[in-house]
C-alpha cells in the first residue's frame, strides 16, 4: 500500500477555530494511518483573487500567472491523492479565505479536464447556528457538491456541525471522531 498524500486547506481566520480543530482531528487520523499530510492556513497566505485574464486557459501548460502563494499550493494540489477543505460558515456560505482559494482552482484547468479530477475530497464546515439550513451551511455544501461533481472529483465525506464559541467543537465527540475517521479513510487507497 502506497503512502497517500493529503493536502488540508484551512479557511478559518482563527488558528484555533472550530473548523481548524476538526481539520486537526482529520489530520491526526490520516497520520495515524501513515498518510503524508500537508496543511495550509489560508489566513496567513497571500492569495489574490482571480483577475479573469484567462491566461491559464490560453496556455494551460503555464497555469495561473498571478504571482502569489497559490503558486506554492498548486503543485501540492496536483500531486495530492486527497484534498480537504475546512471552513467556517460566514454570512450563509464559506469564508472569504476559502472562496478566494476556490476561485483560483480555475487556474487548474488542463486540456479536456481539471487537475483535481479523480481526487478524493473531504469537506469540513462549522457554523454558529442550530443547523445547516438556518446557518447557510447548506449553500456551501451545495457549492462544493456542484463544483466537485463538475470537475470529476469524489467527495468522500462532508463533516459539518454547530459550535458558537472558538474551541467549542471539541465537546462534540461525535464530530471529532467522524473527522478522525474521514482522515483514516482518506489515508487508505481508493
N, C-alpha and C. Protein backbone atom coordinates (compact mmCIF):
# COMPACT_ATOMS: atom_id res chain seq x y z
N UNK A 1 0.86 -1.19 0.00
CA UNK A 1 0.00 0.00 0.00
C UNK A 1 0.89 1.24 0.00
N UNK A 2 0.67 2.14 -0.95
CA UNK A 2 1.48 3.35 -1.03
C UNK A 2 0.98 4.41 -0.06
N UNK A 3 1.89 5.26 0.36
CA UNK A 3 1.55 6.33 1.29
C UNK A 3 0.72 7.39 0.55
N UNK A 4 -0.44 7.69 1.08
CA UNK A 4 -1.33 8.68 0.47
C UNK A 4 -0.90 10.09 0.87
N UNK A 5 -1.01 11.02 -0.08
CA UNK A 5 -0.69 12.43 0.17
C UNK A 5 -2.00 13.19 0.33
N UNK A 6 -2.12 13.89 1.44
CA UNK A 6 -3.34 14.65 1.74
C UNK A 6 -2.96 16.11 1.97
N UNK A 7 -3.65 17.00 1.29
CA UNK A 7 -3.47 18.44 1.49
C UNK A 7 -4.71 18.96 2.20
N UNK A 8 -4.48 19.68 3.31
CA UNK A 8 -5.58 20.27 4.07
C UNK A 8 -5.49 21.78 3.94
N UNK A 9 -6.58 22.38 3.48
CA UNK A 9 -6.66 23.83 3.27
C UNK A 9 -7.59 24.40 4.33
N UNK A 10 -7.03 25.17 5.25
CA UNK A 10 -7.78 25.70 6.39
C UNK A 10 -8.21 27.13 6.10
N UNK A 11 -9.52 27.34 5.98
CA UNK A 11 -10.07 28.63 5.58
C UNK A 11 -10.61 29.48 6.71
N UNK A 12 -10.32 29.13 7.95
CA UNK A 12 -10.75 29.98 9.07
C UNK A 12 -9.68 31.03 9.35
N UNK A 13 -10.08 32.23 9.74
CA UNK A 13 -9.09 33.22 10.13
C UNK A 13 -8.51 32.95 11.52
N UNK A 14 -9.12 32.01 12.25
CA UNK A 14 -8.66 31.68 13.61
C UNK A 14 -7.94 30.34 13.60
N UNK A 15 -6.67 30.34 14.03
CA UNK A 15 -5.91 29.10 14.06
C UNK A 15 -6.56 28.05 14.95
N UNK A 16 -7.20 28.48 16.00
CA UNK A 16 -7.85 27.55 16.93
C UNK A 16 -9.37 27.59 16.76
N UNK A 17 -9.80 27.93 15.56
CA UNK A 17 -11.23 27.95 15.25
C UNK A 17 -11.78 26.53 15.12
N UNK A 18 -13.08 26.43 15.16
CA UNK A 18 -13.73 25.12 15.17
C UNK A 18 -13.48 24.29 13.92
N UNK A 19 -13.51 24.91 12.75
CA UNK A 19 -13.26 24.14 11.53
C UNK A 19 -11.81 23.65 11.50
N UNK A 20 -10.89 24.46 12.00
CA UNK A 20 -9.48 24.04 12.05
C UNK A 20 -9.27 22.92 13.06
N UNK A 21 -10.01 22.95 14.15
CA UNK A 21 -9.92 21.88 15.15
C UNK A 21 -10.38 20.55 14.54
N UNK A 22 -11.48 20.58 13.80
CA UNK A 22 -11.93 19.36 13.12
C UNK A 22 -10.91 18.91 12.07
N UNK A 23 -10.31 19.86 11.37
CA UNK A 23 -9.28 19.53 10.38
C UNK A 23 -8.08 18.88 11.07
N UNK A 24 -7.74 19.36 12.26
CA UNK A 24 -6.64 18.75 13.01
C UNK A 24 -6.96 17.32 13.40
N UNK A 25 -8.22 17.07 13.77
CA UNK A 25 -8.64 15.70 14.11
C UNK A 25 -8.55 14.80 12.88
N UNK A 26 -8.97 15.31 11.73
CA UNK A 26 -8.86 14.56 10.48
C UNK A 26 -7.40 14.26 10.18
N UNK A 27 -6.54 15.26 10.33
CA UNK A 27 -5.10 15.07 10.07
C UNK A 27 -4.52 14.01 11.01
N UNK A 28 -4.95 14.03 12.24
CA UNK A 28 -4.47 13.04 13.22
C UNK A 28 -4.84 11.62 12.77
N UNK A 29 -6.07 11.43 12.31
CA UNK A 29 -6.48 10.12 11.80
C UNK A 29 -5.69 9.71 10.58
N UNK A 30 -5.45 10.66 9.68
CA UNK A 30 -4.69 10.36 8.47
C UNK A 30 -3.25 9.99 8.79
N UNK A 31 -2.62 10.76 9.69
CA UNK A 31 -1.23 10.49 10.06
C UNK A 31 -1.12 9.15 10.79
N UNK A 32 -2.10 8.84 11.64
CA UNK A 32 -2.09 7.56 12.35
C UNK A 32 -2.20 6.39 11.37
N UNK A 33 -2.72 6.66 10.18
CA UNK A 33 -2.85 5.63 9.14
C UNK A 33 -1.76 5.76 8.09
N UNK A 34 -0.68 6.45 8.46
CA UNK A 34 0.53 6.56 7.64
C UNK A 34 0.41 7.45 6.41
N UNK A 35 -0.51 8.39 6.40
CA UNK A 35 -0.60 9.33 5.28
C UNK A 35 0.40 10.47 5.48
N UNK A 36 0.82 11.04 4.38
CA UNK A 36 1.62 12.26 4.40
C UNK A 36 0.65 13.42 4.33
N UNK A 37 0.66 14.29 5.34
CA UNK A 37 -0.31 15.38 5.43
C UNK A 37 0.42 16.72 5.37
N UNK A 38 -0.07 17.59 4.51
CA UNK A 38 0.45 18.96 4.44
C UNK A 38 -0.72 19.91 4.61
N UNK A 39 -0.53 20.90 5.48
CA UNK A 39 -1.61 21.83 5.80
C UNK A 39 -1.23 23.26 5.40
N UNK A 40 -2.25 24.00 4.96
CA UNK A 40 -2.08 25.41 4.61
C UNK A 40 -3.11 26.22 5.38
N UNK A 41 -2.65 27.19 6.16
CA UNK A 41 -3.51 28.11 6.90
C UNK A 41 -3.69 29.35 6.03
N UNK A 42 -4.80 29.42 5.34
CA UNK A 42 -5.01 30.42 4.29
C UNK A 42 -4.95 31.85 4.79
N UNK A 43 -5.34 32.09 6.02
CA UNK A 43 -5.36 33.45 6.58
C UNK A 43 -3.98 34.11 6.50
N UNK A 44 -2.93 33.33 6.66
CA UNK A 44 -1.57 33.88 6.66
C UNK A 44 -0.90 33.86 5.30
N UNK A 45 -1.67 33.55 4.27
CA UNK A 45 -1.10 33.45 2.94
C UNK A 45 -1.55 34.62 2.06
N UNK A 46 -0.72 34.94 1.10
CA UNK A 46 -1.03 35.99 0.13
C UNK A 46 -1.68 35.32 -1.08
N UNK A 47 -3.00 35.28 -1.07
CA UNK A 47 -3.74 34.70 -2.19
C UNK A 47 -4.64 35.79 -2.76
N UNK A 48 -4.34 36.16 -3.97
CA UNK A 48 -5.10 37.23 -4.64
C UNK A 48 -6.31 36.62 -5.36
N UNK A 49 -7.31 37.45 -5.62
CA UNK A 49 -8.47 36.94 -6.38
C UNK A 49 -8.10 36.70 -7.84
N UNK A 50 -8.84 35.81 -8.46
CA UNK A 50 -8.70 35.58 -9.89
C UNK A 50 -9.00 36.89 -10.61
N UNK A 51 -8.17 37.24 -11.58
CA UNK A 51 -8.39 38.50 -12.30
C UNK A 51 -9.04 38.28 -13.67
N UNK A 52 -9.50 37.08 -13.94
CA UNK A 52 -10.23 36.75 -15.17
C UNK A 52 -9.44 37.04 -16.44
N UNK A 53 -8.12 36.91 -16.36
CA UNK A 53 -7.30 37.17 -17.55
C UNK A 53 -7.33 36.01 -18.54
N UNK A 54 -7.70 34.81 -18.08
CA UNK A 54 -7.78 33.59 -18.89
C UNK A 54 -6.44 33.12 -19.45
N UNK A 55 -5.33 33.61 -18.89
CA UNK A 55 -4.01 33.14 -19.33
C UNK A 55 -3.88 31.64 -19.10
N UNK A 56 -4.48 31.14 -18.02
CA UNK A 56 -4.41 29.70 -17.71
C UNK A 56 -5.17 28.87 -18.74
N UNK A 57 -6.14 29.46 -19.41
CA UNK A 57 -6.90 28.76 -20.44
C UNK A 57 -6.15 28.81 -21.77
N UNK A 58 -5.59 29.98 -22.07
CA UNK A 58 -4.87 30.14 -23.33
C UNK A 58 -3.58 29.33 -23.36
N UNK A 59 -2.90 29.23 -22.21
CA UNK A 59 -1.65 28.47 -22.11
C UNK A 59 -1.70 27.61 -20.85
N UNK A 60 -2.48 26.52 -20.89
CA UNK A 60 -2.65 25.70 -19.69
C UNK A 60 -1.34 25.10 -19.18
N UNK A 61 -0.37 24.93 -20.06
CA UNK A 61 0.91 24.38 -19.61
C UNK A 61 1.64 25.34 -18.66
N UNK A 62 1.30 26.61 -18.74
CA UNK A 62 1.91 27.60 -17.84
C UNK A 62 1.08 27.81 -16.58
N UNK A 63 -0.21 27.53 -16.64
CA UNK A 63 -1.08 27.70 -15.48
C UNK A 63 -1.37 29.15 -15.17
N UNK A 64 -1.76 29.39 -13.95
CA UNK A 64 -2.11 30.73 -13.49
C UNK A 64 -0.87 31.62 -13.45
N UNK A 65 -1.02 32.84 -13.93
CA UNK A 65 0.13 33.75 -13.99
C UNK A 65 0.22 34.69 -12.79
N UNK A 66 -0.74 34.65 -11.89
CA UNK A 66 -0.71 35.53 -10.72
C UNK A 66 0.39 35.05 -9.78
N UNK A 67 1.31 35.96 -9.47
CA UNK A 67 2.46 35.63 -8.63
C UNK A 67 2.10 35.85 -7.16
N UNK A 68 1.60 34.80 -6.54
CA UNK A 68 1.24 34.86 -5.12
C UNK A 68 1.41 33.47 -4.52
N UNK A 69 0.89 33.26 -3.32
CA UNK A 69 1.10 31.99 -2.62
C UNK A 69 0.33 30.81 -3.22
N UNK A 70 -0.57 31.05 -4.15
CA UNK A 70 -1.21 29.92 -4.84
C UNK A 70 -0.16 29.13 -5.62
N UNK A 71 0.91 29.79 -6.01
CA UNK A 71 1.98 29.09 -6.73
C UNK A 71 2.64 28.04 -5.85
N UNK A 72 2.55 28.18 -4.52
CA UNK A 72 3.03 27.16 -3.59
C UNK A 72 2.01 26.02 -3.46
N UNK A 73 0.74 26.38 -3.54
CA UNK A 73 -0.33 25.41 -3.33
C UNK A 73 -0.62 24.58 -4.58
N UNK A 74 -0.57 25.18 -5.76
CA UNK A 74 -0.91 24.46 -6.99
C UNK A 74 -0.18 23.12 -7.14
N UNK A 75 1.16 23.08 -7.00
CA UNK A 75 1.82 21.78 -7.19
C UNK A 75 1.43 20.75 -6.13
N UNK A 76 1.12 21.22 -4.93
CA UNK A 76 0.69 20.32 -3.86
C UNK A 76 -0.68 19.72 -4.18
N UNK A 77 -1.56 20.54 -4.74
CA UNK A 77 -2.88 20.04 -5.13
C UNK A 77 -2.76 19.02 -6.26
N UNK A 78 -1.89 19.29 -7.20
CA UNK A 78 -1.72 18.38 -8.33
C UNK A 78 -1.19 17.01 -7.88
N UNK A 79 -0.27 17.01 -6.92
CA UNK A 79 0.35 15.75 -6.50
C UNK A 79 -0.41 15.04 -5.39
N UNK A 80 -1.39 15.69 -4.79
CA UNK A 80 -2.15 15.09 -3.69
C UNK A 80 -3.08 13.99 -4.19
N UNK A 81 -3.27 13.00 -3.34
CA UNK A 81 -4.29 11.98 -3.59
C UNK A 81 -5.64 12.49 -3.11
N UNK A 82 -5.60 13.24 -2.00
CA UNK A 82 -6.83 13.75 -1.40
C UNK A 82 -6.63 15.21 -0.98
N UNK A 83 -7.74 15.94 -0.99
CA UNK A 83 -7.73 17.35 -0.60
C UNK A 83 -8.86 17.56 0.39
N UNK A 84 -8.55 18.26 1.48
CA UNK A 84 -9.55 18.58 2.50
C UNK A 84 -9.68 20.09 2.56
N UNK A 85 -10.92 20.57 2.54
CA UNK A 85 -11.18 21.99 2.67
C UNK A 85 -11.99 22.19 3.94
N UNK A 86 -11.45 23.02 4.84
CA UNK A 86 -12.12 23.31 6.11
C UNK A 86 -12.46 24.79 6.17
N UNK A 87 -13.71 25.10 6.49
CA UNK A 87 -14.14 26.50 6.52
C UNK A 87 -15.25 26.71 7.54
N UNK A 88 -15.21 27.84 8.23
CA UNK A 88 -16.40 28.24 8.97
C UNK A 88 -17.42 28.79 7.99
N UNK A 89 -18.65 28.86 8.42
CA UNK A 89 -19.70 29.49 7.62
C UNK A 89 -19.84 30.92 8.10
N UNK A 90 -19.60 31.84 7.18
CA UNK A 90 -19.74 33.27 7.46
C UNK A 90 -20.78 33.84 6.50
N UNK A 91 -21.81 34.37 7.04
CA UNK A 91 -22.86 35.01 6.27
C UNK A 91 -23.39 34.10 5.16
N UNK A 92 -23.82 32.92 5.58
CA UNK A 92 -24.54 31.96 4.76
C UNK A 92 -23.71 31.25 3.69
N UNK A 93 -22.39 31.22 3.86
CA UNK A 93 -21.56 30.47 2.93
C UNK A 93 -20.16 30.31 3.49
N UNK A 94 -19.26 29.76 2.69
CA UNK A 94 -17.88 29.56 3.13
C UNK A 94 -17.20 30.89 3.40
N UNK A 95 -16.11 30.86 4.15
CA UNK A 95 -15.37 32.07 4.48
C UNK A 95 -14.75 32.68 3.22
N UNK A 96 -14.42 33.96 3.29
CA UNK A 96 -13.79 34.64 2.17
C UNK A 96 -12.44 34.02 1.84
N UNK A 97 -11.70 33.59 2.86
CA UNK A 97 -10.40 32.95 2.65
C UNK A 97 -10.56 31.68 1.81
N UNK A 98 -11.63 30.94 2.09
CA UNK A 98 -11.90 29.71 1.34
C UNK A 98 -12.37 30.03 -0.07
N UNK A 99 -13.25 30.98 -0.21
CA UNK A 99 -13.81 31.31 -1.52
C UNK A 99 -12.75 31.82 -2.49
N UNK A 100 -11.83 32.64 -1.99
CA UNK A 100 -10.79 33.16 -2.89
C UNK A 100 -9.91 32.01 -3.39
N UNK A 101 -9.64 31.04 -2.53
CA UNK A 101 -8.89 29.85 -2.92
C UNK A 101 -9.65 29.06 -3.98
N UNK A 102 -10.94 28.83 -3.72
CA UNK A 102 -11.78 28.06 -4.64
C UNK A 102 -11.82 28.74 -6.02
N UNK A 103 -11.95 30.05 -6.04
CA UNK A 103 -11.97 30.76 -7.32
C UNK A 103 -10.68 30.52 -8.10
N UNK A 104 -9.58 30.37 -7.40
CA UNK A 104 -8.29 30.16 -8.06
C UNK A 104 -8.10 28.72 -8.54
N UNK A 105 -9.02 27.82 -8.19
CA UNK A 105 -9.00 26.47 -8.77
C UNK A 105 -9.19 26.54 -10.29
N UNK A 106 -9.72 27.65 -10.77
CA UNK A 106 -9.88 27.87 -12.20
C UNK A 106 -8.54 27.70 -12.92
N UNK A 107 -7.47 28.10 -12.27
CA UNK A 107 -6.13 28.00 -12.85
C UNK A 107 -5.62 26.57 -12.97
N UNK A 108 -6.41 25.60 -12.51
CA UNK A 108 -6.02 24.19 -12.60
C UNK A 108 -6.68 23.47 -13.78
N UNK A 109 -7.33 24.26 -14.64
CA UNK A 109 -7.94 23.66 -15.82
C UNK A 109 -6.84 23.25 -16.78
N UNK A 110 -6.94 22.02 -17.25
CA UNK A 110 -5.99 21.48 -18.22
C UNK A 110 -6.78 21.10 -19.47
N UNK A 111 -6.13 20.87 -20.58
CA UNK A 111 -6.88 20.49 -21.78
C UNK A 111 -7.78 19.27 -21.51
N UNK A 112 -9.04 19.44 -21.76
CA UNK A 112 -10.05 18.39 -21.66
C UNK A 112 -10.35 17.89 -20.25
N UNK A 113 -9.73 18.48 -19.21
CA UNK A 113 -10.02 18.02 -17.85
C UNK A 113 -9.54 19.06 -16.84
N UNK A 114 -9.76 18.76 -15.59
CA UNK A 114 -9.31 19.61 -14.49
C UNK A 114 -8.27 18.84 -13.69
N UNK A 115 -7.24 19.51 -13.20
CA UNK A 115 -6.16 18.84 -12.47
C UNK A 115 -6.66 18.13 -11.21
N UNK A 116 -7.80 18.53 -10.67
CA UNK A 116 -8.32 17.88 -9.46
C UNK A 116 -9.26 16.72 -9.78
N UNK A 117 -9.45 16.44 -11.05
CA UNK A 117 -10.29 15.32 -11.47
C UNK A 117 -9.79 14.03 -10.83
N UNK A 118 -10.71 13.26 -10.30
CA UNK A 118 -10.45 11.97 -9.65
C UNK A 118 -9.76 12.09 -8.29
N UNK A 119 -9.57 13.29 -7.78
CA UNK A 119 -9.04 13.44 -6.42
C UNK A 119 -10.14 13.07 -5.43
N UNK A 120 -9.74 12.65 -4.25
CA UNK A 120 -10.68 12.36 -3.17
C UNK A 120 -10.76 13.62 -2.30
N UNK A 121 -11.97 14.01 -1.94
CA UNK A 121 -12.21 15.29 -1.28
C UNK A 121 -12.90 15.09 0.06
N UNK A 122 -12.43 15.85 1.05
CA UNK A 122 -13.10 15.95 2.34
C UNK A 122 -13.49 17.40 2.58
N UNK A 123 -14.67 17.61 3.12
CA UNK A 123 -15.18 18.96 3.40
C UNK A 123 -15.51 19.05 4.89
N UNK A 124 -15.05 20.12 5.53
CA UNK A 124 -15.34 20.38 6.94
C UNK A 124 -15.94 21.77 7.05
N UNK A 125 -17.12 21.86 7.66
CA UNK A 125 -17.79 23.15 7.83
C UNK A 125 -18.30 23.26 9.26
N UNK A 126 -18.12 24.43 9.85
CA UNK A 126 -18.69 24.70 11.18
C UNK A 126 -19.43 26.02 11.12
N UNK A 127 -20.44 26.12 11.98
CA UNK A 127 -21.29 27.31 11.97
C UNK A 127 -21.84 27.58 13.37
N UNK A 128 -22.19 28.82 13.60
CA UNK A 128 -22.71 29.23 14.89
C UNK A 128 -24.22 29.33 14.91
N UNK A 129 -24.88 28.35 14.38
CA UNK A 129 -26.34 28.31 14.37
C UNK A 129 -26.75 26.88 14.67
N UNK A 130 -28.02 26.61 14.62
CA UNK A 130 -28.50 25.31 15.05
C UNK A 130 -28.38 24.20 14.01
N UNK A 131 -28.37 24.55 12.72
CA UNK A 131 -28.29 23.51 11.70
C UNK A 131 -27.78 24.08 10.38
N UNK A 132 -27.60 23.17 9.42
CA UNK A 132 -27.02 23.57 8.14
C UNK A 132 -27.93 24.47 7.32
N UNK A 133 -29.22 24.46 7.59
CA UNK A 133 -30.14 25.30 6.82
C UNK A 133 -30.19 26.73 7.37
N UNK A 134 -30.42 26.88 8.64
CA UNK A 134 -30.52 28.23 9.20
C UNK A 134 -29.16 28.95 9.23
N UNK A 135 -28.08 28.19 9.23
CA UNK A 135 -26.74 28.79 9.23
C UNK A 135 -26.31 29.21 7.82
N UNK A 136 -26.89 28.58 6.83
CA UNK A 136 -26.47 28.79 5.45
C UNK A 136 -25.41 27.79 5.00
N UNK A 137 -25.01 26.89 5.88
CA UNK A 137 -24.01 25.89 5.50
C UNK A 137 -24.47 25.09 4.29
N UNK A 138 -25.76 24.92 4.15
CA UNK A 138 -26.29 24.16 3.00
C UNK A 138 -25.86 24.80 1.68
N UNK A 139 -25.69 26.12 1.67
CA UNK A 139 -25.21 26.81 0.47
C UNK A 139 -23.79 26.38 0.13
N UNK A 140 -22.93 26.32 1.14
CA UNK A 140 -21.56 25.88 0.91
C UNK A 140 -21.53 24.40 0.52
N UNK A 141 -22.33 23.58 1.21
CA UNK A 141 -22.38 22.15 0.89
C UNK A 141 -22.78 21.95 -0.57
N UNK A 142 -23.81 22.64 -1.00
CA UNK A 142 -24.25 22.51 -2.40
C UNK A 142 -23.21 23.04 -3.37
N UNK A 143 -22.53 24.13 -3.02
CA UNK A 143 -21.46 24.66 -3.88
C UNK A 143 -20.36 23.63 -4.05
N UNK A 144 -19.93 23.02 -2.95
CA UNK A 144 -18.87 22.01 -3.03
C UNK A 144 -19.33 20.80 -3.84
N UNK A 145 -20.54 20.35 -3.59
CA UNK A 145 -21.05 19.19 -4.34
C UNK A 145 -21.09 19.49 -5.84
N UNK A 146 -21.62 20.65 -6.20
CA UNK A 146 -21.71 21.02 -7.62
C UNK A 146 -20.33 21.16 -8.25
N UNK A 147 -19.43 21.85 -7.54
CA UNK A 147 -18.09 22.10 -8.08
C UNK A 147 -17.33 20.80 -8.30
N UNK A 148 -17.30 19.94 -7.29
CA UNK A 148 -16.51 18.72 -7.42
C UNK A 148 -17.15 17.71 -8.37
N UNK A 149 -18.47 17.71 -8.46
CA UNK A 149 -19.13 16.87 -9.47
C UNK A 149 -18.74 17.36 -10.87
N UNK A 150 -18.72 18.67 -11.07
CA UNK A 150 -18.40 19.26 -12.36
C UNK A 150 -16.97 18.89 -12.79
N UNK A 151 -16.02 18.95 -11.86
CA UNK A 151 -14.63 18.67 -12.26
C UNK A 151 -14.28 17.18 -12.17
N UNK A 152 -15.20 16.37 -11.66
CA UNK A 152 -14.99 14.93 -11.63
C UNK A 152 -14.18 14.43 -10.45
N UNK A 153 -14.27 15.13 -9.32
CA UNK A 153 -13.62 14.67 -8.08
C UNK A 153 -14.67 14.02 -7.19
N UNK A 154 -14.22 13.14 -6.31
CA UNK A 154 -15.13 12.39 -5.44
C UNK A 154 -15.11 12.94 -4.02
N UNK A 155 -16.26 13.40 -3.53
CA UNK A 155 -16.36 13.82 -2.14
C UNK A 155 -16.52 12.56 -1.29
N UNK A 156 -15.53 12.30 -0.46
CA UNK A 156 -15.54 11.12 0.41
C UNK A 156 -16.37 11.38 1.66
N UNK A 157 -16.32 12.60 2.16
CA UNK A 157 -17.09 12.92 3.35
C UNK A 157 -17.27 14.41 3.54
N UNK A 158 -18.43 14.78 4.06
CA UNK A 158 -18.71 16.17 4.45
C UNK A 158 -19.06 16.15 5.93
N UNK A 159 -18.26 16.85 6.69
CA UNK A 159 -18.46 16.93 8.14
C UNK A 159 -18.92 18.36 8.42
N UNK A 160 -20.03 18.50 9.12
CA UNK A 160 -20.47 19.85 9.47
C UNK A 160 -21.18 19.81 10.81
N UNK A 161 -21.05 20.92 11.54
CA UNK A 161 -21.70 20.99 12.83
C UNK A 161 -21.63 22.36 13.46
N UNK A 162 -22.40 22.51 14.49
CA UNK A 162 -22.57 23.80 15.16
C UNK A 162 -21.66 23.95 16.38
N UNK A 163 -21.09 25.12 16.50
CA UNK A 163 -20.30 25.49 17.68
C UNK A 163 -20.25 27.02 17.74
N UNK A 164 -20.76 27.59 18.79
CA UNK A 164 -20.84 29.05 18.89
C UNK A 164 -19.50 29.70 19.22
N UNK A 165 -18.76 29.11 20.14
CA UNK A 165 -17.52 29.74 20.61
C UNK A 165 -16.31 29.00 20.08
N UNK A 166 -15.22 29.73 19.91
CA UNK A 166 -13.98 29.12 19.43
C UNK A 166 -13.58 27.98 20.35
N UNK A 167 -13.31 26.84 19.75
CA UNK A 167 -12.89 25.66 20.52
C UNK A 167 -14.02 24.79 21.02
N UNK A 168 -15.23 25.27 20.94
CA UNK A 168 -16.39 24.54 21.47
C UNK A 168 -16.61 23.20 20.76
N UNK A 169 -16.17 23.08 19.54
CA UNK A 169 -16.39 21.86 18.76
C UNK A 169 -15.73 20.65 19.41
N UNK A 170 -14.69 20.89 20.23
CA UNK A 170 -14.02 19.79 20.92
C UNK A 170 -14.99 19.00 21.81
N UNK A 171 -16.05 19.65 22.25
CA UNK A 171 -17.03 19.00 23.12
C UNK A 171 -17.95 18.06 22.34
N UNK A 172 -17.92 18.15 21.04
CA UNK A 172 -18.76 17.29 20.20
C UNK A 172 -17.93 16.08 19.77
N UNK A 173 -17.90 15.07 20.63
CA UNK A 173 -17.05 13.90 20.37
C UNK A 173 -17.47 13.16 19.11
N UNK A 174 -18.76 13.18 18.79
CA UNK A 174 -19.22 12.51 17.57
C UNK A 174 -18.59 13.13 16.33
N UNK A 175 -18.57 14.47 16.25
CA UNK A 175 -17.96 15.14 15.09
C UNK A 175 -16.45 14.97 15.08
N UNK A 176 -15.82 15.06 16.25
CA UNK A 176 -14.38 14.88 16.33
C UNK A 176 -13.99 13.48 15.85
N UNK A 177 -14.75 12.48 16.26
CA UNK A 177 -14.50 11.10 15.81
C UNK A 177 -14.75 10.94 14.32
N UNK A 178 -15.81 11.58 13.84
CA UNK A 178 -16.13 11.49 12.41
C UNK A 178 -14.99 12.09 11.58
N UNK A 179 -14.45 13.23 12.03
CA UNK A 179 -13.33 13.86 11.32
C UNK A 179 -12.12 12.93 11.33
N UNK A 180 -11.81 12.35 12.48
CA UNK A 180 -10.68 11.42 12.59
C UNK A 180 -10.87 10.26 11.61
N UNK A 181 -12.07 9.71 11.57
CA UNK A 181 -12.35 8.55 10.72
C UNK A 181 -12.29 8.88 9.23
N UNK A 182 -12.68 10.10 8.86
CA UNK A 182 -12.54 10.52 7.46
C UNK A 182 -11.05 10.60 7.12
N UNK A 183 -10.24 11.05 8.07
CA UNK A 183 -8.79 11.07 7.87
C UNK A 183 -8.24 9.68 7.62
N UNK A 184 -8.72 8.72 8.41
CA UNK A 184 -8.32 7.32 8.21
C UNK A 184 -8.74 6.84 6.83
N UNK A 185 -9.96 7.17 6.44
CA UNK A 185 -10.46 6.74 5.13
C UNK A 185 -9.66 7.36 3.99
N UNK A 186 -9.33 8.65 4.10
CA UNK A 186 -8.55 9.30 3.05
C UNK A 186 -7.14 8.75 2.98
N UNK A 187 -6.64 8.23 4.09
CA UNK A 187 -5.28 7.67 4.12
C UNK A 187 -5.19 6.32 3.42
N UNK A 188 -6.35 5.69 3.22
CA UNK A 188 -6.34 4.39 2.54
C UNK A 188 -6.46 4.62 1.04
N UNK A 189 -5.92 3.69 0.28
CA UNK A 189 -6.02 3.81 -1.18
C UNK A 189 -7.45 3.61 -1.63
N UNK A 190 -7.85 4.34 -2.64
CA UNK A 190 -9.22 4.25 -3.15
C UNK A 190 -9.49 2.92 -3.79
